[in-house]
Amino acid sequence: MTHEITVFTKDGCVPCKMTKATLEKLGLQFKERNINHDDTARDELIAQGFQSVPLVFIDGKPEIKGFRPDLLAKIA
């Protein structure tokens, strides 16, 4: 089953870079939304009560907060 994966990130965020690198290593395609460059993305996260990134949405639902390689591997 193919999932739609969106990763919310920000500039200079090491856990964000590690999350993206892990997804790439697992061969998973994802869309990145950088809250420093995408005001809509930032506003969406704030409206949902989130205050930090990385945040991985799977099929439109927030599933993984922070850098969690164990959980990322489960979606592969």
C-alpha atoms as a PDB file:
ATOM      1  CA  MET A   1       0.000   0.000   0.000  1.00  0.00           C
ATOM      2  CA  THR A   2       1.327   3.417  -0.947  1.00  0.00           C
ATOM      3  CA  HIS A   3       0.873   6.184   1.565  1.00  0.00           C
ATOM      4  CA  GLU A   4       0.845   9.918   0.991  1.00  0.00           C
ATOM      5  CA  ILE A   5       3.616  11.213   3.233  1.00  0.00           C
ATOM      6  CA  THR A   6       4.121  14.888   4.083  1.00  0.00           C
ATOM      7  CA  VAL A   7       7.007  16.076   6.247  1.00  0.00           C
ATOM      8  CA  PHE A   8       6.756  19.479   7.910  1.00  0.00           C
ATOM      9  CA  THR A   9      10.223  20.940   8.448  1.00  0.00           C
ATOM     10  CA  LYS A  10      12.060  24.205   9.109  1.00  0.00           C
ATOM     11  CA  ASP A  11      15.449  25.624   8.188  1.00  0.00           C
ATOM     12  CA  GLY A  12      18.414  24.498  10.280  1.00  0.00           C
ATOM     13  CA  CYS A  13      16.532  21.613  11.904  1.00  0.00           C
ATOM     14  CA  VAL A  14      18.821  18.590  12.319  1.00  0.00           C
ATOM     15  CA  PRO A  15      16.001  16.177  13.273  1.00  0.00           C
ATOM     16  CA  CYS A  16      14.144  17.360  10.144  1.00  0.00           C
ATOM     17  CA  LYS A  17      17.161  16.563   7.962  1.00  0.00           C
ATOM     18  CA  MET A  18      17.517  13.159   9.626  1.00  0.00           C
ATOM     19  CA  THR A  19      13.837  12.390   9.088  1.00  0.00           C
ATOM     20  CA  LYS A  20      14.076  13.241   5.382  1.00  0.00           C
ATOM     21  CA  ALA A  21      17.287  11.226   5.007  1.00  0.00           C
ATOM     22  CA  THR A  22      15.684   8.211   6.680  1.00  0.00           C
ATOM     23  CA  LEU A  23      12.624   8.376   4.429  1.00  0.00           C
ATOM     24  CA  GLU A  24      14.898   8.596   1.389  1.00  0.00           C
ATOM     25  CA  LYS A  25      16.981   5.648   2.614  1.00  0.00           C
ATOM     26  CA  LEU A  26      13.786   3.623   3.040  1.00  0.00           C
ATOM     27  CA  GLY A  27      12.811   4.506  -0.523  1.00  0.00           C
ATOM     28  CA  LEU A  28       9.682   6.382   0.524  1.00  0.00           C
ATOM     29  CA  GLN A  29       8.486   9.334  -1.502  1.00  0.00           C
ATOM     30  CA  PHE A  30       7.317  12.340   0.459  1.00  0.00           C
ATOM     31  CA  LYS A  31       6.348  15.955   0.102  1.00  0.00           C
ATOM     32  CA  GLU A  32       8.225  18.501   2.204  1.00  0.00           C
ATOM     33  CA  ARG A  33       6.533  21.604   3.597  1.00  0.00           C
ATOM     34  CA  ASN A  34       9.030  23.994   5.141  1.00  0.00           C
ATOM     35  CA  ILE A  35       7.318  26.285   7.633  1.00  0.00           C
ATOM     36  CA  ASN A  36       9.988  28.979   7.120  1.00  0.00           C
ATOM     37  CA  HIS A  37       8.955  29.356   3.482  1.00  0.00           C
ATOM     38  CA  ASP A  38       5.307  28.205   3.541  1.00  0.00           C
ATOM     39  CA  ASP A  39       3.126  30.409   5.772  1.00  0.00           C
ATOM     40  CA  THR A  40       0.098  28.217   5.071  1.00  0.00           C
ATOM     41  CA  ALA A  41       1.930  25.144   6.349  1.00  0.00           C
ATOM     42  CA  ARG A  42       2.987  26.991   9.503  1.00  0.00           C
ATOM     43  CA  ASP A  43      -0.553  28.230  10.116  1.00  0.00           C
ATOM     44  CA  GLU A  44      -1.994  24.730   9.595  1.00  0.00           C
ATOM     45  CA  LEU A  45       0.307  23.269  12.245  1.00  0.00           C
ATOM     46  CA  ILE A  46      -0.392  26.061  14.726  1.00  0.00           C
ATOM     47  CA  ALA A  47      -4.156  25.676  14.204  1.00  0.00           C
ATOM     48  CA  GLN A  48      -3.831  21.967  15.061  1.00  0.00           C
ATOM     49  CA  GLY A  49      -1.868  22.752  18.226  1.00  0.00           C
ATOM     50  CA  PHE A  50       1.568  21.660  17.049  1.00  0.00           C
ATOM     51  CA  GLN A  51       4.577  23.673  18.160  1.00  0.00           C
ATOM     52  CA  SER A  52       7.547  21.764  16.777  1.00  0.00           C
ATOM     53  CA  VAL A  53       8.860  19.948  13.742  1.00  0.00           C
ATOM     54  CA  PRO A  54       9.613  17.526  12.209  1.00  0.00           C
ATOM     55  CA  LEU A  55       6.092  16.298  11.925  1.00  0.00           C
ATOM     56  CA  VAL A  56       5.187  13.490   9.554  1.00  0.00           C
ATOM     57  CA  PHE A  57       1.659  13.262   8.238  1.00  0.00           C
ATOM     58  CA  ILE A  58       0.589   9.970   6.670  1.00  0.00           C
ATOM     59  CA  ASP A  59      -2.501  10.060   4.482  1.00  0.00           C
ATOM     60  CA  GLY A  60      -3.367  13.490   5.876  1.00  0.00           C
ATOM     61  CA  LYS A  61      -3.104  12.556   9.557  1.00  0.00           C
ATOM     62  CA  PRO A  62      -0.322  13.558  11.957  1.00  0.00           C
ATOM     63  CA  GLU A  63       1.386  10.276  12.814  1.00  0.00           C
ATOM     64  CA  ILE A  64       5.018  10.887  13.810  1.00  0.00           C
ATOM     65  CA  LYS A  65       6.326  13.748  15.934  1.00  0.00           C
ATOM     66  CA  GLY A  66      10.073  14.327  16.073  1.00  0.00           C
ATOM     67  CA  PHE A  67      12.779  12.110  14.603  1.00  0.00           C
ATOM     68  CA  ARG A  68      11.545   8.540  15.064  1.00  0.00           C
ATOM     69  CA  PRO A  69      13.417   6.150  12.757  1.00  0.00           C
ATOM     70  CA  ASP A  70      11.665   3.181  14.407  1.00  0.00           C
ATOM     71  CA  LEU A  71       8.246   4.507  13.395  1.00  0.00           C
ATOM     72  CA  LEU A  72       9.443   5.606   9.970  1.00  0.00           C
ATOM     73  CA  ALA A  73      10.610   2.040   9.274  1.00  0.00           C
ATOM     74  CA  LYS A  74       7.130   0.727  10.075  1.00  0.00           C
ATOM     75  CA  ILE A  75       5.554   2.715   7.239  1.00  0.00           C
ATOM     76  CA  ALA A  76       8.051   1.311   4.729  1.00  0.00           C
END
